[in-house]
């Protein structure tokens, strides 16, 4: 993440960084660290727009944390509410053939 963020500005794309944060956010609940997922998601959920692929990954993460052992905890409930708000917005197509 640090190398990516310090790279040449023209070579950095927000969608790639969002995908990296989502990858980390998905790994945290598997190791019992729900708060870590929230920290990683904060970097994603604050964006104004998302590609369709990021929206799909957010929905998959929502399903994962909604069915896990922490599904009733306040941090997870809050994360899921925020994910639902964000994924209700229209997504940008990252490629001309990608579904929205």
N, C-alpha and C. Protein backbone atom coordinates (compact mmCIF):
# COMPACT_ATOMS: atom_id res chain seq x y z
N UNK A 1 0.83 -1.18 0.00
CA UNK A 1 0.00 0.00 0.00
C UNK A 1 0.88 1.25 0.00
N UNK A 2 1.89 1.24 0.85
CA UNK A 2 2.76 2.41 0.94
C UNK A 2 3.48 2.66 -0.37
N UNK A 3 3.99 1.61 -1.01
CA UNK A 3 4.67 1.78 -2.29
C UNK A 3 3.72 2.31 -3.35
N UNK A 4 2.52 1.80 -3.35
CA UNK A 4 1.54 2.25 -4.32
C UNK A 4 1.23 3.74 -4.13
N UNK A 5 1.03 4.15 -2.89
CA UNK A 5 0.66 5.53 -2.61
C UNK A 5 1.79 6.51 -2.90
N UNK A 6 3.02 6.05 -2.87
CA UNK A 6 4.14 6.94 -3.15
C UNK A 6 4.61 6.86 -4.59
N UNK A 7 3.96 6.04 -5.39
CA UNK A 7 4.32 5.89 -6.80
C UNK A 7 3.96 7.11 -7.62
N UNK A 8 4.32 7.06 -8.89
CA UNK A 8 4.04 8.14 -9.83
C UNK A 8 2.53 8.36 -9.91
N UNK A 9 2.11 9.62 -9.77
CA UNK A 9 0.67 9.92 -9.69
C UNK A 9 -0.10 9.41 -10.90
N UNK A 10 0.44 9.51 -12.08
CA UNK A 10 -0.25 9.05 -13.28
C UNK A 10 -0.41 7.55 -13.36
N UNK A 11 0.36 6.83 -12.54
CA UNK A 11 0.29 5.36 -12.53
C UNK A 11 -0.61 4.83 -11.43
N UNK A 12 -1.19 5.71 -10.64
CA UNK A 12 -2.06 5.29 -9.53
C UNK A 12 -3.52 5.49 -9.92
N UNK A 13 -4.33 4.49 -9.65
CA UNK A 13 -5.75 4.56 -9.94
C UNK A 13 -6.53 4.27 -8.66
N UNK A 14 -7.52 5.11 -8.34
CA UNK A 14 -8.27 4.91 -7.10
C UNK A 14 -8.88 3.52 -6.98
N UNK A 15 -9.35 2.95 -8.06
CA UNK A 15 -9.96 1.63 -8.01
C UNK A 15 -8.99 0.56 -7.55
N UNK A 16 -7.73 0.68 -7.97
CA UNK A 16 -6.71 -0.28 -7.53
C UNK A 16 -6.46 -0.17 -6.03
N UNK A 17 -6.39 1.04 -5.55
CA UNK A 17 -6.18 1.24 -4.12
C UNK A 17 -7.38 0.77 -3.32
N UNK A 18 -8.59 1.04 -3.82
CA UNK A 18 -9.80 0.54 -3.15
C UNK A 18 -9.78 -0.98 -3.09
N UNK A 19 -9.38 -1.62 -4.19
CA UNK A 19 -9.33 -3.09 -4.23
C UNK A 19 -8.34 -3.63 -3.20
N UNK A 20 -7.20 -2.97 -3.05
CA UNK A 20 -6.21 -3.40 -2.06
C UNK A 20 -6.76 -3.27 -0.65
N UNK A 21 -7.41 -2.16 -0.36
CA UNK A 21 -8.01 -1.97 0.96
C UNK A 21 -9.11 -3.01 1.21
N UNK A 22 -9.89 -3.32 0.19
CA UNK A 22 -10.94 -4.33 0.34
C UNK A 22 -10.35 -5.71 0.59
N UNK A 23 -9.23 -6.01 -0.06
CA UNK A 23 -8.56 -7.29 0.18
C UNK A 23 -8.14 -7.42 1.63
N UNK A 24 -7.57 -6.35 2.17
CA UNK A 24 -7.18 -6.37 3.58
C UNK A 24 -8.40 -6.42 4.49
N UNK A 25 -9.43 -5.67 4.15
CA UNK A 25 -10.65 -5.66 4.97
C UNK A 25 -11.29 -7.04 5.02
N UNK A 26 -11.18 -7.79 3.95
CA UNK A 26 -11.74 -9.14 3.90
C UNK A 26 -10.92 -10.10 4.76
N UNK A 27 -9.62 -9.87 4.84
CA UNK A 27 -8.76 -10.77 5.61
C UNK A 27 -8.92 -10.59 7.12
N UNK A 28 -9.20 -9.38 7.56
CA UNK A 28 -9.27 -9.13 9.01
C UNK A 28 -10.33 -9.96 9.73
N UNK A 29 -11.58 -10.02 9.26
CA UNK A 29 -12.57 -10.83 10.00
C UNK A 29 -12.18 -12.31 10.10
N UNK A 30 -11.49 -12.81 9.08
CA UNK A 30 -11.07 -14.21 9.10
C UNK A 30 -10.09 -14.47 10.24
N UNK A 31 -9.36 -13.43 10.65
CA UNK A 31 -8.41 -13.60 11.75
C UNK A 31 -8.96 -13.04 13.06
N UNK A 32 -10.25 -12.72 13.09
CA UNK A 32 -10.90 -12.26 14.31
C UNK A 32 -10.72 -10.79 14.62
N UNK A 33 -10.27 -10.01 13.66
CA UNK A 33 -10.02 -8.59 13.87
C UNK A 33 -11.02 -7.73 13.09
N UNK A 34 -12.22 -7.65 13.60
CA UNK A 34 -13.28 -6.89 12.92
C UNK A 34 -12.93 -5.41 12.83
N UNK A 35 -12.30 -4.88 13.87
CA UNK A 35 -11.95 -3.46 13.88
C UNK A 35 -10.98 -3.13 12.75
N UNK A 36 -10.07 -4.04 12.44
CA UNK A 36 -9.13 -3.84 11.34
C UNK A 36 -9.87 -3.72 10.01
N UNK A 37 -10.93 -4.49 9.85
CA UNK A 37 -11.73 -4.39 8.63
C UNK A 37 -12.34 -3.00 8.51
N UNK A 38 -12.82 -2.48 9.62
CA UNK A 38 -13.40 -1.14 9.62
C UNK A 38 -12.40 -0.08 9.24
N UNK A 39 -11.18 -0.22 9.72
CA UNK A 39 -10.12 0.74 9.40
C UNK A 39 -9.82 0.72 7.91
N UNK A 40 -9.70 -0.46 7.33
CA UNK A 40 -9.42 -0.57 5.89
C UNK A 40 -10.60 -0.07 5.07
N UNK A 41 -11.81 -0.38 5.52
CA UNK A 41 -12.99 0.06 4.77
C UNK A 41 -13.17 1.57 4.80
N UNK A 42 -12.71 2.21 5.84
CA UNK A 42 -12.84 3.67 5.92
C UNK A 42 -12.17 4.34 4.72
N UNK A 43 -11.07 3.76 4.25
CA UNK A 43 -10.38 4.32 3.09
C UNK A 43 -11.19 4.14 1.81
N UNK A 44 -12.06 3.16 1.79
CA UNK A 44 -12.87 2.88 0.60
C UNK A 44 -14.22 3.60 0.67
N UNK A 45 -14.87 3.51 1.82
CA UNK A 45 -16.23 4.02 1.95
C UNK A 45 -16.33 5.54 1.89
N UNK A 46 -15.23 6.23 2.01
CA UNK A 46 -15.25 7.68 1.94
C UNK A 46 -15.18 8.23 0.52
N UNK A 47 -15.00 7.39 -0.46
CA UNK A 47 -14.89 7.84 -1.85
C UNK A 47 -16.25 8.31 -2.38
N UNK A 48 -16.19 9.21 -3.35
CA UNK A 48 -17.42 9.73 -3.96
C UNK A 48 -18.05 8.75 -4.93
N UNK A 49 -17.21 8.00 -5.65
CA UNK A 49 -17.71 7.07 -6.65
C UNK A 49 -16.91 5.78 -6.61
N UNK A 50 -17.54 4.72 -7.11
CA UNK A 50 -16.92 3.40 -7.15
C UNK A 50 -17.15 2.79 -8.50
N UNK A 51 -16.22 1.92 -8.89
CA UNK A 51 -16.46 1.13 -10.09
C UNK A 51 -17.41 -0.01 -9.73
N UNK A 52 -17.97 -0.61 -10.75
CA UNK A 52 -18.88 -1.74 -10.52
C UNK A 52 -18.15 -2.88 -9.81
N UNK A 53 -16.88 -3.11 -10.15
CA UNK A 53 -16.17 -4.22 -9.52
C UNK A 53 -15.95 -3.97 -8.03
N UNK A 54 -15.72 -2.73 -7.63
CA UNK A 54 -15.57 -2.40 -6.21
C UNK A 54 -16.91 -2.58 -5.50
N UNK A 55 -17.99 -2.18 -6.15
CA UNK A 55 -19.33 -2.36 -5.58
C UNK A 55 -19.61 -3.84 -5.36
N UNK A 56 -19.26 -4.67 -6.33
CA UNK A 56 -19.46 -6.12 -6.21
C UNK A 56 -18.64 -6.67 -5.05
N UNK A 57 -17.40 -6.22 -4.91
CA UNK A 57 -16.54 -6.70 -3.82
C UNK A 57 -17.06 -6.23 -2.46
N UNK A 58 -17.59 -5.02 -2.41
CA UNK A 58 -18.20 -4.54 -1.16
C UNK A 58 -19.39 -5.42 -0.77
N UNK A 59 -20.20 -5.79 -1.75
CA UNK A 59 -21.37 -6.64 -1.47
C UNK A 59 -20.93 -8.02 -0.99
N UNK A 60 -19.86 -8.55 -1.57
CA UNK A 60 -19.35 -9.86 -1.13
C UNK A 60 -18.83 -9.77 0.30
N UNK A 61 -18.14 -8.68 0.62
CA UNK A 61 -17.66 -8.49 1.98
C UNK A 61 -18.83 -8.37 2.94
N UNK A 62 -19.88 -7.68 2.53
CA UNK A 62 -21.08 -7.56 3.36
C UNK A 62 -21.67 -8.93 3.66
N UNK A 63 -21.74 -9.78 2.66
CA UNK A 63 -22.25 -11.14 2.85
C UNK A 63 -21.35 -11.92 3.81
N UNK A 64 -20.05 -11.77 3.64
CA UNK A 64 -19.10 -12.48 4.49
C UNK A 64 -19.24 -12.07 5.95
N UNK A 65 -19.23 -10.77 6.23
CA UNK A 65 -19.29 -10.34 7.62
C UNK A 65 -20.69 -10.49 8.20
N UNK A 66 -21.69 -10.54 7.33
CA UNK A 66 -23.06 -10.71 7.79
C UNK A 66 -23.40 -12.14 8.17
N UNK A 67 -22.55 -13.08 7.76
CA UNK A 67 -22.82 -14.48 8.08
C UNK A 67 -21.78 -15.06 9.03
N UNK A 68 -20.81 -14.26 9.43
CA UNK A 68 -19.74 -14.74 10.29
C UNK A 68 -20.10 -14.67 11.75
N UNK A 69 -19.15 -15.05 12.58
CA UNK A 69 -19.40 -15.09 14.03
C UNK A 69 -19.60 -13.70 14.65
N UNK A 70 -19.24 -12.66 13.95
CA UNK A 70 -19.36 -11.30 14.50
C UNK A 70 -20.57 -10.56 13.94
N UNK A 71 -21.46 -11.26 13.25
CA UNK A 71 -22.55 -10.61 12.54
C UNK A 71 -23.45 -9.74 13.43
N UNK A 72 -23.56 -10.06 14.69
CA UNK A 72 -24.42 -9.28 15.58
C UNK A 72 -23.69 -8.19 16.36
N UNK A 73 -22.38 -8.08 16.15
CA UNK A 73 -21.62 -7.07 16.90
C UNK A 73 -21.86 -5.68 16.34
N UNK A 74 -21.78 -4.67 17.21
CA UNK A 74 -22.03 -3.30 16.77
C UNK A 74 -21.08 -2.85 15.67
N UNK A 75 -19.78 -3.18 15.74
CA UNK A 75 -18.91 -2.75 14.63
C UNK A 75 -19.35 -3.31 13.29
N UNK A 76 -19.75 -4.58 13.27
CA UNK A 76 -20.17 -5.20 12.01
C UNK A 76 -21.51 -4.63 11.55
N UNK A 77 -22.41 -4.42 12.46
CA UNK A 77 -23.71 -3.83 12.08
C UNK A 77 -23.48 -2.46 11.45
N UNK A 78 -22.62 -1.66 12.04
CA UNK A 78 -22.32 -0.34 11.49
C UNK A 78 -21.65 -0.41 10.13
N UNK A 79 -20.70 -1.32 9.97
CA UNK A 79 -20.04 -1.50 8.68
C UNK A 79 -21.03 -1.92 7.61
N UNK A 80 -21.90 -2.85 7.95
CA UNK A 80 -22.88 -3.33 6.97
C UNK A 80 -23.84 -2.22 6.56
N UNK A 81 -24.26 -1.39 7.52
CA UNK A 81 -25.14 -0.27 7.17
C UNK A 81 -24.45 0.68 6.21
N UNK A 82 -23.19 0.96 6.48
CA UNK A 82 -22.45 1.87 5.60
C UNK A 82 -22.24 1.25 4.22
N UNK A 83 -21.94 -0.04 4.17
CA UNK A 83 -21.79 -0.73 2.89
C UNK A 83 -23.09 -0.67 2.11
N UNK A 84 -24.23 -0.86 2.77
CA UNK A 84 -25.53 -0.82 2.09
C UNK A 84 -25.79 0.57 1.50
N UNK A 85 -25.45 1.61 2.26
CA UNK A 85 -25.63 2.97 1.76
C UNK A 85 -24.79 3.21 0.50
N UNK A 86 -23.55 2.80 0.57
CA UNK A 86 -22.62 3.02 -0.53
C UNK A 86 -22.99 2.22 -1.77
N UNK A 87 -23.34 0.97 -1.60
CA UNK A 87 -23.64 0.12 -2.76
C UNK A 87 -24.99 0.41 -3.37
N UNK A 88 -25.80 1.22 -2.72
CA UNK A 88 -27.08 1.63 -3.32
C UNK A 88 -26.88 2.70 -4.39
N UNK A 89 -25.72 3.37 -4.35
CA UNK A 89 -25.42 4.40 -5.36
C UNK A 89 -25.06 3.75 -6.69
N UNK A 90 -25.32 4.45 -7.79
CA UNK A 90 -24.89 3.91 -9.09
C UNK A 90 -23.37 3.80 -9.16
N UNK A 91 -22.89 2.75 -9.77
CA UNK A 91 -21.45 2.52 -9.91
C UNK A 91 -20.98 2.96 -11.28
N UNK A 92 -19.71 3.27 -11.37
CA UNK A 92 -19.08 3.59 -12.64
C UNK A 92 -18.62 2.30 -13.28
N UNK A 93 -18.68 2.20 -14.59
CA UNK A 93 -18.13 1.05 -15.29
C UNK A 93 -16.63 1.26 -15.40
N UNK A 94 -15.83 0.28 -15.00
CA UNK A 94 -14.38 0.42 -15.10
C UNK A 94 -13.89 0.01 -16.48
N UNK A 95 -14.71 -0.75 -17.19
CA UNK A 95 -14.42 -1.09 -18.58
C UNK A 95 -15.71 -0.92 -19.37
N UNK A 96 -15.62 -0.69 -20.68
CA UNK A 96 -16.85 -0.45 -21.45
C UNK A 96 -17.84 -1.62 -21.42
N UNK A 97 -17.36 -2.86 -21.15
CA UNK A 97 -18.25 -4.01 -21.18
C UNK A 97 -18.72 -4.43 -19.78
N UNK A 98 -18.21 -3.77 -18.76
CA UNK A 98 -18.57 -4.16 -17.38
C UNK A 98 -19.98 -3.72 -17.05
N UNK A 99 -20.73 -4.61 -16.44
CA UNK A 99 -22.09 -4.29 -16.00
C UNK A 99 -22.05 -3.38 -14.80
N UNK A 100 -23.03 -2.51 -14.66
CA UNK A 100 -23.12 -1.61 -13.52
C UNK A 100 -24.03 -2.17 -12.48
